[in-house]
Amino acid sequence: MSELAQSLNDATKKRDNALKVVKLSILGIVSSALIALTWWLMNLAVYGHMPLNFWFWVIGSSVLWCAFVSFFVLVNPYTWLFALTNAFAFGAYMFIMPKNLFVALGGVIFFLLSVLFQRRMVTEEKNQQHFSIRRTISSSVLVATYGFLFVIGFNVYNFVNQDFKDDPDKFYDRIGAATSRGVPFVSDNFQGINLNQPLDEYLADRVESNLPEGLDQASPAVKDEYVQDYRDQFLEQFGLQDSAKVSLGRALAKIVNQKGREVLQPYNKYLPLFFALVIFGLLRTFSFIFNWLTIFVTWLLFRILYMTNFFKLTKAVVEVDKLDL
């Protein structure tokens, strides 16, 4: 009977070990696929002129990668497998993203911060008396967030810098187009000015309300001639056409773009760096949303996988550092 029990016990251990290998492989493959998907989506978002809402796909893929790579490193006992998945993440980045020194530098920084993110989770998990996925990842997710921020920052710099080298006017025109698209979101009446009013009507009203002394009593024909001269000079100065069809808001966007181009022209070589720093700063301001979303999604996925017996909690002796004399 003892031999039979031992045989059954050995068979059970082999089955459990095989199941662990399968589960570990699933986590490794899924996390690797997600990081490759993240780089592909990010490449499209930065270099493919995708709409702003496309970044939600990048964020979603990044959050899922953080969740699954967390599960993977917490249950992975093999150092070589840890190194392999991180090498794959870096290799996928270099393969998918443009071949550029700054882009590569962003990948190196992400690789280092990703390793730090994963090792901090393992350390945090070992020091807990009671396992909590929320506590484990919440103390480390900021490191991963900064990794993604640096990747985006360096790629944005590379994209803007290349745009300036190829065609500076095209970049300014794109800024002007973005400004024009933002006009409808501004209140129809801003300080008494209707931005949707045709430019032709606005100029006529403006001139008639500020006629020079002596013209206010002139005949309508003289007034109309003065208004027409003012309109022509205004349109010629700012390179506008069809004032009857262009709204005041669109005209203002073009004027701002034109004046901004004149002011910034001497500093063209610094604009890509400035633009990248602005994007990095804006994303850093809202990074808490990414952190919170990552913690929540990781906790939710853990609960689902735990309830389906993909994960299980076992008792273990925990050694913690204590201050002593």
C-alpha atoms as a PDB file:
ATOM      1  CA  MET A   1       0.000   0.000   0.000  1.00  0.00           C
ATOM      2  CA  SER A   2       2.844   2.372   0.819  1.00  0.00           C
ATOM      3  CA  GLU A   3       4.394   1.806  -2.609  1.00  0.00           C
ATOM      4  CA  LEU A   4       1.033   2.466  -4.272  1.00  0.00           C
ATOM      5  CA  ALA A   5       0.526   5.656  -2.278  1.00  0.00           C
ATOM      6  CA  GLN A   6       4.043   6.789  -3.128  1.00  0.00           C
ATOM      7  CA  SER A   7       3.419   6.081  -6.798  1.00  0.00           C
ATOM      8  CA  LEU A   8       0.158   8.045  -6.746  1.00  0.00           C
ATOM      9  CA  ASN A   9       1.876  10.883  -4.940  1.00  0.00           C
ATOM     10  CA  ASP A  10       4.679  10.983  -7.528  1.00  0.00           C
ATOM     11  CA  ALA A  11       2.155  10.958 -10.373  1.00  0.00           C
ATOM     12  CA  THR A  12       0.243  13.810  -8.752  1.00  0.00           C
ATOM     13  CA  LYS A  13       3.434  15.851  -8.356  1.00  0.00           C
ATOM     14  CA  LYS A  14       4.398  15.273 -11.972  1.00  0.00           C
ATOM     15  CA  ARG A  15       0.925  16.296 -13.113  1.00  0.00           C
ATOM     16  CA  ASP A  16       1.020  19.424 -10.944  1.00  0.00           C
ATOM     17  CA  ASN A  17       4.488  20.337 -12.188  1.00  0.00           C
ATOM     18  CA  ALA A  18       3.426  19.860 -15.798  1.00  0.00           C
ATOM     19  CA  LEU A  19       0.360  22.025 -15.196  1.00  0.00           C
ATOM     20  CA  LYS A  20       2.546  24.722 -13.638  1.00  0.00           C
ATOM     21  CA  VAL A  21       4.801  24.706 -16.692  1.00  0.00           C
ATOM     22  CA  VAL A  22       1.763  25.080 -18.964  1.00  0.00           C
ATOM     23  CA  LYS A  23       0.372  27.958 -16.893  1.00  0.00           C
ATOM     24  CA  LEU A  24       3.767  29.656 -16.701  1.00  0.00           C
ATOM     25  CA  SER A  25       4.156  29.293 -20.465  1.00  0.00           C
ATOM     26  CA  ILE A  26       0.731  30.854 -21.022  1.00  0.00           C
ATOM     27  CA  LEU A  27       1.620  33.848 -18.853  1.00  0.00           C
ATOM     28  CA  GLY A  28       4.973  34.280 -20.575  1.00  0.00           C
ATOM     29  CA  ILE A  29       3.517  34.041 -24.081  1.00  0.00           C
ATOM     30  CA  VAL A  30       0.606  36.382 -23.311  1.00  0.00           C
ATOM     31  CA  SER A  31       2.842  39.008 -21.677  1.00  0.00           C
ATOM     32  CA  SER A  32       5.319  38.820 -24.569  1.00  0.00           C
ATOM     33  CA  ALA A  33       2.516  39.125 -27.140  1.00  0.00           C
ATOM     34  CA  LEU A  34       1.061  42.108 -25.286  1.00  0.00           C
ATOM     35  CA  ILE A  35       4.330  44.035 -25.172  1.00  0.00           C
ATOM     36  CA  ALA A  36       4.870  43.411 -28.890  1.00  0.00           C
ATOM     37  CA  LEU A  37       1.300  44.584 -29.542  1.00  0.00           C
ATOM     38  CA  THR A  38       1.960  47.682 -27.429  1.00  0.00           C
ATOM     39  CA  TRP A  39       5.019  48.605 -29.501  1.00  0.00           C
ATOM     40  CA  TRP A  40       3.106  48.065 -32.744  1.00  0.00           C
ATOM     41  CA  LEU A  41       0.187  50.224 -31.605  1.00  0.00           C
ATOM     42  CA  MET A  42       2.528  52.893 -30.246  1.00  0.00           C
ATOM     43  CA  ASN A  43       4.406  52.977 -33.533  1.00  0.00           C
ATOM     44  CA  LEU A  44       1.119  53.596 -35.356  1.00  0.00           C
ATOM     45  CA  ALA A  45       0.029  56.224 -32.832  1.00  0.00           C
ATOM     46  CA  VAL A  46       3.263  58.249 -33.010  1.00  0.00           C
ATOM     47  CA  TYR A  47       4.291  57.841 -36.636  1.00  0.00           C
ATOM     48  CA  GLY A  48       1.033  56.927 -38.374  1.00  0.00           C
ATOM     49  CA  HIS A  49      -0.878  60.210 -37.850  1.00  0.00           C
ATOM     50  CA  MET A  50      -3.651  58.314 -36.049  1.00  0.00           C
ATOM     51  CA  PRO A  51      -6.487  60.187 -34.278  1.00  0.00           C
ATOM     52  CA  LEU A  52      -6.059  61.017 -30.620  1.00  0.00           C
ATOM     53  CA  ASN A  53      -8.534  58.374 -29.448  1.00  0.00           C
ATOM     54  CA  PHE A  54      -6.261  55.694 -30.959  1.00  0.00           C
ATOM     55  CA  TRP A  55      -4.064  56.136 -27.877  1.00  0.00           C
ATOM     56  CA  PHE A  56      -6.743  54.347 -25.839  1.00  0.00           C
ATOM     57  CA  TRP A  57      -5.666  51.133 -27.581  1.00  0.00           C
ATOM     58  CA  VAL A  58      -2.057  51.808 -26.616  1.00  0.00           C
ATOM     59  CA  ILE A  59      -3.058  52.442 -23.005  1.00  0.00           C
ATOM     60  CA  GLY A  60      -5.217  49.314 -22.881  1.00  0.00           C
ATOM     61  CA  SER A  61      -2.447  47.113 -24.253  1.00  0.00           C
ATOM     62  CA  SER A  62       0.099  48.641 -21.857  1.00  0.00           C
ATOM     63  CA  VAL A  63      -2.163  48.079 -18.849  1.00  0.00           C
ATOM     64  CA  LEU A  64      -2.743  44.443 -19.800  1.00  0.00           C
ATOM     65  CA  TRP A  65       1.006  43.922 -20.248  1.00  0.00           C
ATOM     66  CA  CYS A  66       1.667  45.309 -16.766  1.00  0.00           C
ATOM     67  CA  ALA A  67      -0.937  42.920 -15.354  1.00  0.00           C
ATOM     68  CA  PHE A  68       0.249  39.747 -17.086  1.00  0.00           C
ATOM     69  CA  VAL A  69       3.962  40.435 -16.674  1.00  0.00           C
ATOM     70  CA  SER A  70       3.256  40.951 -12.966  1.00  0.00           C
ATOM     71  CA  PHE A  71       1.610  37.546 -12.730  1.00  0.00           C
ATOM     72  CA  PHE A  72       4.461  36.019 -14.708  1.00  0.00           C
ATOM     73  CA  VAL A  73       7.342  37.319 -12.588  1.00  0.00           C
ATOM     74  CA  LEU A  74       5.567  36.534  -9.307  1.00  0.00           C
ATOM     75  CA  VAL A  75       5.212  32.825 -10.141  1.00  0.00           C
ATOM     76  CA  ASN A  76       8.302  32.368 -12.316  1.00  0.00           C
ATOM     77  CA  PRO A  77      11.124  30.545 -10.477  1.00  0.00           C
ATOM     78  CA  TYR A  78      13.539  30.554 -13.428  1.00  0.00           C
ATOM     79  CA  THR A  79      16.024  33.400 -13.837  1.00  0.00           C
ATOM     80  CA  TRP A  80      16.774  32.465 -17.446  1.00  0.00           C
ATOM     81  CA  LEU A  81      13.082  32.719 -18.344  1.00  0.00           C
ATOM     82  CA  PHE A  82      12.914  36.146 -16.720  1.00  0.00           C
ATOM     83  CA  ALA A  83      15.891  37.252 -18.841  1.00  0.00           C
ATOM     84  CA  LEU A  84      14.402  35.725 -21.990  1.00  0.00           C
ATOM     85  CA  THR A  85      11.064  37.569 -21.745  1.00  0.00           C
ATOM     86  CA  ASN A  86      12.776  40.889 -21.080  1.00  0.00           C
ATOM     87  CA  ALA A  87      15.165  40.333 -23.968  1.00  0.00           C
ATOM     88  CA  PHE A  88      12.171  39.588 -26.191  1.00  0.00           C
ATOM     89  CA  ALA A  89      10.446  42.823 -25.100  1.00  0.00           C
ATOM     90  CA  PHE A  90      13.551  44.839 -25.980  1.00  0.00           C
ATOM     91  CA  GLY A  91      14.106  42.958 -29.242  1.00  0.00           C
ATOM     92  CA  ALA A  92      10.483  43.489 -30.297  1.00  0.00           C
ATOM     93  CA  TYR A  93      10.850  47.188 -29.572  1.00  0.00           C
ATOM     94  CA  MET A  94      13.980  47.502 -31.694  1.00  0.00           C
ATOM     95  CA  PHE A  95      12.393  45.502 -34.524  1.00  0.00           C
ATOM     96  CA  ILE A  96       9.063  47.393 -34.634  1.00  0.00           C
ATOM     97  CA  MET A  97      10.175  50.950 -33.898  1.00  0.00           C
ATOM     98  CA  PRO A  98      12.216  53.130 -36.299  1.00  0.00           C
ATOM     99  CA  LYS A  99      15.950  52.554 -36.313  1.00  0.00           C
ATOM    100  CA  ASN A 100      17.215  55.696 -34.615  1.00  0.00           C
ATOM    101  CA  LEU A 101      19.634  56.483 -31.795  1.00  0.00           C
ATOM    102  CA  PHE A 102      17.065  58.368 -29.697  1.00  0.00           C
ATOM    103  CA  VAL A 103      14.451  55.669 -30.225  1.00  0.00           C
ATOM    104  CA  ALA A 104      16.973  53.035 -29.160  1.00  0.00           C
ATOM    105  CA  LEU A 105      17.869  55.088 -26.080  1.00  0.00           C
ATOM    106  CA  GLY A 106      14.195  55.141 -25.110  1.00  0.00           C
ATOM    107  CA  GLY A 107      14.110  51.356 -25.470  1.00  0.00           C
ATOM    108  CA  VAL A 108      17.182  50.924 -23.256  1.00  0.00           C
ATOM    109  CA  ILE A 109      15.646  53.110 -20.542  1.00  0.00           C
ATOM    110  CA  PHE A 110      12.391  51.142 -20.744  1.00  0.00           C
ATOM    111  CA  PHE A 111      14.300  47.849 -20.512  1.00  0.00           C
ATOM    112  CA  LEU A 112      16.126  48.969 -17.357  1.00  0.00           C
ATOM    113  CA  LEU A 113      12.989  50.372 -15.718  1.00  0.00           C
ATOM    114  CA  SER A 114      11.004  47.272 -16.709  1.00  0.00           C
ATOM    115  CA  VAL A 115      13.534  45.027 -14.973  1.00  0.00           C
ATOM    116  CA  LEU A 116      13.436  47.283 -11.908  1.00  0.00           C
ATOM    117  CA  PHE A 117       9.619  47.212 -11.968  1.00  0.00           C
ATOM    118  CA  GLN A 118       9.565  43.418 -12.008  1.00  0.00           C
ATOM    119  CA  ARG A 119      12.273  42.946  -9.362  1.00  0.00           C
ATOM    120  CA  ARG A 120      10.571  45.408  -7.015  1.00  0.00           C
ATOM    121  CA  MET A 121       7.358  43.415  -7.260  1.00  0.00           C
ATOM    122  CA  VAL A 122       9.148  40.204  -6.358  1.00  0.00           C
ATOM    123  CA  THR A 123      10.815  41.877  -3.377  1.00  0.00           C
ATOM    124  CA  GLU A 124       7.534  43.408  -2.217  1.00  0.00           C
ATOM    125  CA  GLU A 125       5.759  40.060  -2.491  1.00  0.00           C
ATOM    126  CA  LYS A 126       8.446  38.293  -0.440  1.00  0.00           C
ATOM    127  CA  ASN A 127       8.177  40.859   2.372  1.00  0.00           C
ATOM    128  CA  GLN A 128       4.414  40.560   2.766  1.00  0.00           C
ATOM    129  CA  GLN A 129       2.985  38.494   5.597  1.00  0.00           C
ATOM    130  CA  HIS A 130      -0.247  38.095   3.635  1.00  0.00           C
ATOM    131  CA  PHE A 131      -0.290  38.163  -0.144  1.00  0.00           C
ATOM    132  CA  SER A 132      -2.044  41.137  -1.755  1.00  0.00           C
ATOM    133  CA  ILE A 133      -1.772  41.741  -5.480  1.00  0.00           C
ATOM    134  CA  ARG A 134      -2.865  45.334  -4.985  1.00  0.00           C
ATOM    135  CA  ARG A 135      -0.067  46.119  -2.506  1.00  0.00           C
ATOM    136  CA  THR A 136       2.445  44.186  -4.571  1.00  0.00           C
ATOM    137  CA  ILE A 137       1.905  46.133  -7.779  1.00  0.00           C
ATOM    138  CA  SER A 138       0.941  49.536  -6.343  1.00  0.00           C
ATOM    139  CA  SER A 139       4.450  50.127  -4.985  1.00  0.00           C
ATOM    140  CA  SER A 140       6.074  49.349  -8.345  1.00  0.00           C
ATOM    141  CA  VAL A 141       3.723  50.397 -11.143  1.00  0.00           C
ATOM    142  CA  LEU A 142       5.077  53.965 -11.196  1.00  0.00           C
ATOM    143  CA  VAL A 143       8.413  52.592 -12.429  1.00  0.00           C
ATOM    144  CA  ALA A 144       6.703  50.931 -15.404  1.00  0.00           C
ATOM    145  CA  THR A 145       4.757  54.123 -16.065  1.00  0.00           C
ATOM    146  CA  TYR A 146       7.971  56.118 -16.328  1.00  0.00           C
ATOM    147  CA  GLY A 147       9.339  53.489 -18.680  1.00  0.00           C
ATOM    148  CA  PHE A 148       6.451  54.044 -21.086  1.00  0.00           C
ATOM    149  CA  LEU A 149       6.712  57.830 -20.673  1.00  0.00           C
ATOM    150  CA  PHE A 150      10.374  57.798 -21.688  1.00  0.00           C
ATOM    151  CA  VAL A 151       9.602  55.606 -24.702  1.00  0.00           C
ATOM    152  CA  ILE A 152       6.851  57.972 -25.837  1.00  0.00           C
ATOM    153  CA  GLY A 153       9.002  61.032 -25.180  1.00  0.00           C
ATOM    154  CA  PHE A 154      11.981  59.818 -27.208  1.00  0.00           C
ATOM    155  CA  ASN A 155       9.775  58.627 -30.066  1.00  0.00           C
ATOM    156  CA  VAL A 156       7.848  61.903 -30.161  1.00  0.00           C
ATOM    157  CA  TYR A 157      11.159  63.764 -30.279  1.00  0.00           C
ATOM    158  CA  ASN A 158      12.358  61.581 -33.150  1.00  0.00           C
ATOM    159  CA  PHE A 159       9.105  62.059 -35.061  1.00  0.00           C
ATOM    160  CA  VAL A 160       8.973  65.840 -34.635  1.00  0.00           C
ATOM    161  CA  ASN A 161      12.678  66.223 -35.372  1.00  0.00           C
ATOM    162  CA  GLN A 162      12.328  64.223 -38.575  1.00  0.00           C
ATOM    163  CA  ASP A 163       9.252  66.244 -39.552  1.00  0.00           C
ATOM    164  CA  PHE A 164      11.215  69.468 -39.167  1.00  0.00           C
ATOM    165  CA  LYS A 165      14.092  68.191 -41.246  1.00  0.00           C
ATOM    166  CA  ASP A 166      11.821  66.965 -44.043  1.00  0.00           C
ATOM    167  CA  ASP A 167       9.365  69.869 -44.212  1.00  0.00           C
ATOM    168  CA  PRO A 168       9.078  72.510 -41.450  1.00  0.00           C
ATOM    169  CA  ASP A 169       6.075  74.134 -43.171  1.00  0.00           C
ATOM    170  CA  LYS A 170       4.189  70.850 -43.109  1.00  0.00           C
ATOM    171  CA  PHE A 171       4.615  70.633 -39.338  1.00  0.00           C
ATOM    172  CA  TYR A 172       3.352  74.188 -38.818  1.00  0.00           C
ATOM    173  CA  ASP A 173       0.412  73.509 -41.122  1.00  0.00           C
ATOM    174  CA  ARG A 174      -0.465  70.456 -39.055  1.00  0.00           C
ATOM    175  CA  ILE A 175      -0.469  72.576 -35.903  1.00  0.00           C
ATOM    176  CA  GLY A 176      -2.706  75.095 -37.646  1.00  0.00           C
ATOM    177  CA  ALA A 177      -5.104  72.347 -38.697  1.00  0.00           C
ATOM    178  CA  ALA A 178      -5.264  71.071 -35.124  1.00  0.00           C
ATOM    179  CA  THR A 179      -5.967  74.602 -33.914  1.00  0.00           C
ATOM    180  CA  SER A 180      -8.766  74.959 -36.438  1.00  0.00           C
ATOM    181  CA  ARG A 181     -10.343  71.691 -35.327  1.00  0.00           C
ATOM    182  CA  GLY A 182     -10.409  73.031 -31.799  1.00  0.00           C
ATOM    183  CA  VAL A 183     -12.391  76.126 -32.716  1.00  0.00           C
ATOM    184  CA  PRO A 184     -15.846  74.448 -32.655  1.00  0.00           C
ATOM    185  CA  PHE A 185     -15.228  73.411 -29.054  1.00  0.00           C
ATOM    186  CA  VAL A 186     -14.824  77.028 -28.004  1.00  0.00           C
ATOM    187  CA  SER A 187     -17.942  78.833 -26.870  1.00  0.00           C
ATOM    188  CA  ASP A 188     -19.881  80.448 -29.691  1.00  0.00           C
ATOM    189  CA  ASN A 189     -19.633  83.759 -27.886  1.00  0.00           C
ATOM    190  CA  PHE A 190     -16.269  84.556 -26.382  1.00  0.00           C
ATOM    191  CA  GLN A 191     -16.152  88.031 -24.886  1.00  0.00           C
ATOM    192  CA  GLY A 192     -18.989  89.058 -27.175  1.00  0.00           C
ATOM    193  CA  ILE A 193     -17.347  87.691 -30.330  1.00  0.00           C
ATOM    194  CA  ASN A 194     -19.056  84.947 -32.283  1.00  0.00           C
ATOM    195  CA  LEU A 195     -16.286  82.669 -33.582  1.00  0.00           C
ATOM    196  CA  ASN A 196     -18.680  81.075 -36.071  1.00  0.00           C
ATOM    197  CA  GLN A 197     -19.508  84.415 -37.670  1.00  0.00           C
ATOM    198  CA  PRO A 198     -18.248  84.753 -41.279  1.00  0.00           C
ATOM    199  CA  LEU A 199     -15.063  86.768 -41.404  1.00  0.00           C
ATOM    200  CA  ASP A 200     -16.572  89.048 -44.061  1.00  0.00           C
ATOM    201  CA  GLU A 201     -19.403  90.079 -41.739  1.00  0.00           C
ATOM    202  CA  TYR A 202     -17.081  90.545 -38.768  1.00  0.00           C
ATOM    203  CA  LEU A 203     -14.738  92.845 -40.704  1.00  0.00           C
ATOM    204  CA  ALA A 204     -17.638  94.903 -42.026  1.00  0.00           C
ATOM    205  CA  ASP A 205     -19.113  95.334 -38.544  1.00  0.00           C
ATOM    206  CA  ARG A 206     -15.709  96.135 -37.089  1.00  0.00           C
ATOM    207  CA  VAL A 207     -14.903  98.826 -39.654  1.00  0.00           C
ATOM    208  CA  GLU A 208     -18.337 100.438 -39.571  1.00  0.00           C
ATOM    209  CA  SER A 209     -18.184 100.729 -35.789  1.00  0.00           C
ATOM    210  CA  ASN A 210     -14.746 102.398 -35.944  1.00  0.00           C
ATOM    211  CA  LEU A 211     -14.990 104.697 -38.936  1.00  0.00           C
ATOM    212  CA  PRO A 212     -12.492 107.575 -39.055  1.00  0.00           C
ATOM    213  CA  GLU A 213     -13.762 111.023 -38.263  1.00  0.00           C
ATOM    214  CA  GLY A 214     -15.593 112.469 -41.266  1.00  0.00           C
ATOM    215  CA  LEU A 215     -16.537 109.118 -42.809  1.00  0.00           C
ATOM    216  CA  ASP A 216     -19.373 108.467 -40.383  1.00  0.00           C
ATOM    217  CA  GLN A 217     -21.441 111.028 -42.293  1.00  0.00           C
ATOM    218  CA  ALA A 218     -20.313 109.878 -45.722  1.00  0.00           C
ATOM    219  CA  SER A 219     -22.587 108.234 -48.261  1.00  0.00           C
ATOM    220  CA  PRO A 220     -23.136 104.425 -48.169  1.00  0.00           C
ATOM    221  CA  ALA A 221     -21.085 104.048 -51.346  1.00  0.00           C
ATOM    222  CA  VAL A 222     -18.062 105.747 -49.780  1.00  0.00           C
ATOM    223  CA  LYS A 223     -18.413 103.653 -46.630  1.00  0.00           C
ATOM    224  CA  ASP A 224     -18.648 100.461 -48.655  1.00  0.00           C
ATOM    225  CA  GLU A 225     -15.523 101.405 -50.589  1.00  0.00           C
ATOM    226  CA  TYR A 226     -13.622 102.045 -47.344  1.00  0.00           C
ATOM    227  CA  VAL A 227     -14.811  98.744 -45.870  1.00  0.00           C
ATOM    228  CA  GLN A 228     -13.770  96.910 -49.040  1.00  0.00           C
ATOM    229  CA  ASP A 229     -10.291  98.481 -48.972  1.00  0.00           C
ATOM    230  CA  TYR A 230      -9.849  97.521 -45.305  1.00  0.00           C
ATOM    231  CA  ARG A 231     -11.032  93.980 -46.004  1.00  0.00           C
ATOM    232  CA  ASP A 232      -8.636  93.583 -48.946  1.00  0.00           C
ATOM    233  CA  GLN A 233      -5.685  94.845 -46.911  1.00  0.00           C
ATOM    234  CA  PHE A 234      -6.560  92.518 -44.042  1.00  0.00           C
ATOM    235  CA  LEU A 235      -6.874  89.466 -46.289  1.00  0.00           C
ATOM    236  CA  GLU A 236      -3.633  90.280 -48.118  1.00  0.00           C
ATOM    237  CA  GLN A 237      -1.715  90.801 -44.886  1.00  0.00           C
ATOM    238  CA  PHE A 238      -2.659  87.402 -43.458  1.00  0.00           C
ATOM    239  CA  GLY A 239      -2.923  85.451 -46.705  1.00  0.00           C
ATOM    240  CA  LEU A 240      -6.640  84.748 -46.390  1.00  0.00           C
ATOM    241  CA  GLN A 241      -9.140  84.171 -49.163  1.00  0.00           C
ATOM    242  CA  ASP A 242     -12.920  83.940 -49.524  1.00  0.00           C
ATOM    243  CA  SER A 243     -13.671  85.962 -46.421  1.00  0.00           C
ATOM    244  CA  ALA A 244     -17.376  85.347 -46.960  1.00  0.00           C
ATOM    245  CA  LYS A 245     -16.871  81.584 -46.536  1.00  0.00           C
ATOM    246  CA  VAL A 246     -14.219  81.533 -43.796  1.00  0.00           C
ATOM    247  CA  SER A 247     -15.419  81.813 -40.198  1.00  0.00           C
ATOM    248  CA  LEU A 248     -13.796  84.183 -37.747  1.00  0.00           C
ATOM    249  CA  GLY A 249     -12.544  81.238 -35.672  1.00  0.00           C
ATOM    250  CA  ARG A 250     -10.825  79.593 -38.646  1.00  0.00           C
ATOM    251  CA  ALA A 251      -9.251  82.882 -39.643  1.00  0.00           C
ATOM    252  CA  LEU A 252      -7.950  83.458 -36.126  1.00  0.00           C
ATOM    253  CA  ALA A 253      -6.447  79.958 -36.087  1.00  0.00           C
ATOM    254  CA  LYS A 254      -4.606  80.662 -39.332  1.00  0.00           C
ATOM    255  CA  ILE A 255      -3.402  84.042 -38.111  1.00  0.00           C
ATOM    256  CA  VAL A 256      -2.133  82.567 -34.846  1.00  0.00           C
ATOM    257  CA  ASN A 257      -0.371  79.821 -36.785  1.00  0.00           C
ATOM    258  CA  GLN A 258       1.238  82.343 -39.124  1.00  0.00           C
ATOM    259  CA  LYS A 259       2.407  84.638 -36.325  1.00  0.00           C
ATOM    260  CA  GLY A 260       3.610  81.700 -34.268  1.00  0.00           C
ATOM    261  CA  ARG A 261       5.644  80.469 -37.198  1.00  0.00           C
ATOM    262  CA  GLU A 262       7.306  83.870 -37.573  1.00  0.00           C
ATOM    263  CA  VAL A 263       8.168  84.036 -33.881  1.00  0.00           C
ATOM    264  CA  LEU A 264       9.428  80.447 -33.581  1.00  0.00           C
ATOM    265  CA  GLN A 265      11.326  80.287 -36.873  1.00  0.00           C
ATOM    266  CA  PRO A 266      14.719  81.183 -35.298  1.00  0.00           C
ATOM    267  CA  TYR A 267      14.280  78.426 -32.697  1.00  0.00           C
ATOM    268  CA  ASN A 268      13.338  75.587 -35.045  1.00  0.00           C
ATOM    269  CA  LYS A 269      16.177  73.340 -33.899  1.00  0.00           C
ATOM    270  CA  TYR A 270      14.940  73.490 -30.297  1.00  0.00           C
ATOM    271  CA  LEU A 271      11.246  72.913 -31.052  1.00  0.00           C
ATOM    272  CA  PRO A 272      11.383  69.081 -31.307  1.00  0.00           C
ATOM    273  CA  LEU A 273      12.974  68.860 -27.850  1.00  0.00           C
ATOM    274  CA  PHE A 274      10.552  71.420 -26.428  1.00  0.00           C
ATOM    275  CA  PHE A 275       7.576  69.622 -27.960  1.00  0.00           C
ATOM    276  CA  ALA A 276       8.736  66.257 -26.585  1.00  0.00           C
ATOM    277  CA  LEU A 277       9.228  67.738 -23.098  1.00  0.00           C
ATOM    278  CA  VAL A 278       5.742  69.258 -23.204  1.00  0.00           C
ATOM    279  CA  ILE A 279       4.213  65.911 -24.176  1.00  0.00           C
ATOM    280  CA  PHE A 280       6.230  64.140 -21.463  1.00  0.00           C
ATOM    281  CA  GLY A 281       5.096  66.687 -18.868  1.00  0.00           C
ATOM    282  CA  LEU A 282       1.440  66.447 -19.873  1.00  0.00           C
ATOM    283  CA  LEU A 283       1.484  62.661 -19.790  1.00  0.00           C
ATOM    284  CA  ARG A 284       3.290  62.725 -16.437  1.00  0.00           C
ATOM    285  CA  THR A 285       0.524  64.940 -15.045  1.00  0.00           C
ATOM    286  CA  PHE A 286      -2.130  62.380 -15.944  1.00  0.00           C
ATOM    287  CA  SER A 287      -0.020  59.280 -15.233  1.00  0.00           C
ATOM    288  CA  PHE A 288      -1.931  58.656 -11.993  1.00  0.00           C
ATOM    289  CA  ILE A 289      -4.874  57.535 -14.154  1.00  0.00           C
ATOM    290  CA  PHE A 290      -2.676  54.909 -15.806  1.00  0.00           C
ATOM    291  CA  ASN A 291      -1.351  53.794 -12.409  1.00  0.00           C
ATOM    292  CA  TRP A 292      -4.830  53.463 -10.943  1.00  0.00           C
ATOM    293  CA  LEU A 293      -6.164  51.670 -14.014  1.00  0.00           C
ATOM    294  CA  THR A 294      -3.243  49.228 -13.977  1.00  0.00           C
ATOM    295  CA  ILE A 295      -3.766  48.389 -10.307  1.00  0.00           C
ATOM    296  CA  PHE A 296      -7.512  47.901 -10.794  1.00  0.00           C
ATOM    297  CA  VAL A 297      -7.205  45.752 -13.938  1.00  0.00           C
ATOM    298  CA  THR A 298      -4.462  43.636 -12.362  1.00  0.00           C
ATOM    299  CA  TRP A 299      -6.566  43.074  -9.244  1.00  0.00           C
ATOM    300  CA  LEU A 300      -9.647  42.231 -11.325  1.00  0.00           C
ATOM    301  CA  LEU A 301      -7.783  39.754 -13.533  1.00  0.00           C
ATOM    302  CA  PHE A 302      -6.190  38.172 -10.477  1.00  0.00           C
ATOM    303  CA  ARG A 303      -9.594  37.645  -8.843  1.00  0.00           C
ATOM    304  CA  ILE A 304     -10.931  36.053 -12.030  1.00  0.00           C
ATOM    305  CA  LEU A 305      -7.920  33.753 -12.459  1.00  0.00           C
ATOM    306  CA  TYR A 306      -7.925  32.892  -8.766  1.00  0.00           C
ATOM    307  CA  MET A 307     -11.606  31.952  -8.774  1.00  0.00           C
ATOM    308  CA  THR A 308     -11.038  29.741 -11.845  1.00  0.00           C
ATOM    309  CA  ASN A 309      -8.174  27.966 -10.019  1.00  0.00           C
ATOM    310  CA  PHE A 310      -5.515  29.271 -12.405  1.00  0.00           C
ATOM    311  CA  PHE A 311      -3.769  30.660  -9.321  1.00  0.00           C
ATOM    312  CA  LYS A 312      -3.722  29.338  -5.796  1.00  0.00           C
ATOM    313  CA  LEU A 313      -2.373  30.683  -2.542  1.00  0.00           C
ATOM    314  CA  THR A 314      -0.041  28.508  -0.476  1.00  0.00           C
ATOM    315  CA  LYS A 315       1.406  28.960   2.987  1.00  0.00           C
ATOM    316  CA  ALA A 316       5.052  30.001   3.169  1.00  0.00           C
ATOM    317  CA  VAL A 317       7.465  31.222   5.799  1.00  0.00           C
ATOM    318  CA  VAL A 318       8.271  34.894   5.258  1.00  0.00           C
ATOM    319  CA  GLU A 319      11.546  36.427   6.448  1.00  0.00           C
ATOM    320  CA  VAL A 320      11.510  40.172   6.928  1.00  0.00           C
ATOM    321  CA  ASP A 321      14.238  42.627   7.915  1.00  0.00           C
ATOM    322  CA  LYS A 322      13.974  44.072  11.420  1.00  0.00           C
ATOM    323  CA  LEU A 323      15.992  46.860  12.936  1.00  0.00           C
ATOM    324  CA  ASP A 324      18.202  45.719  15.805  1.00  0.00           C
ATOM    325  CA  LEU A 325      21.255  46.772  17.823  1.00  0.00           C
END
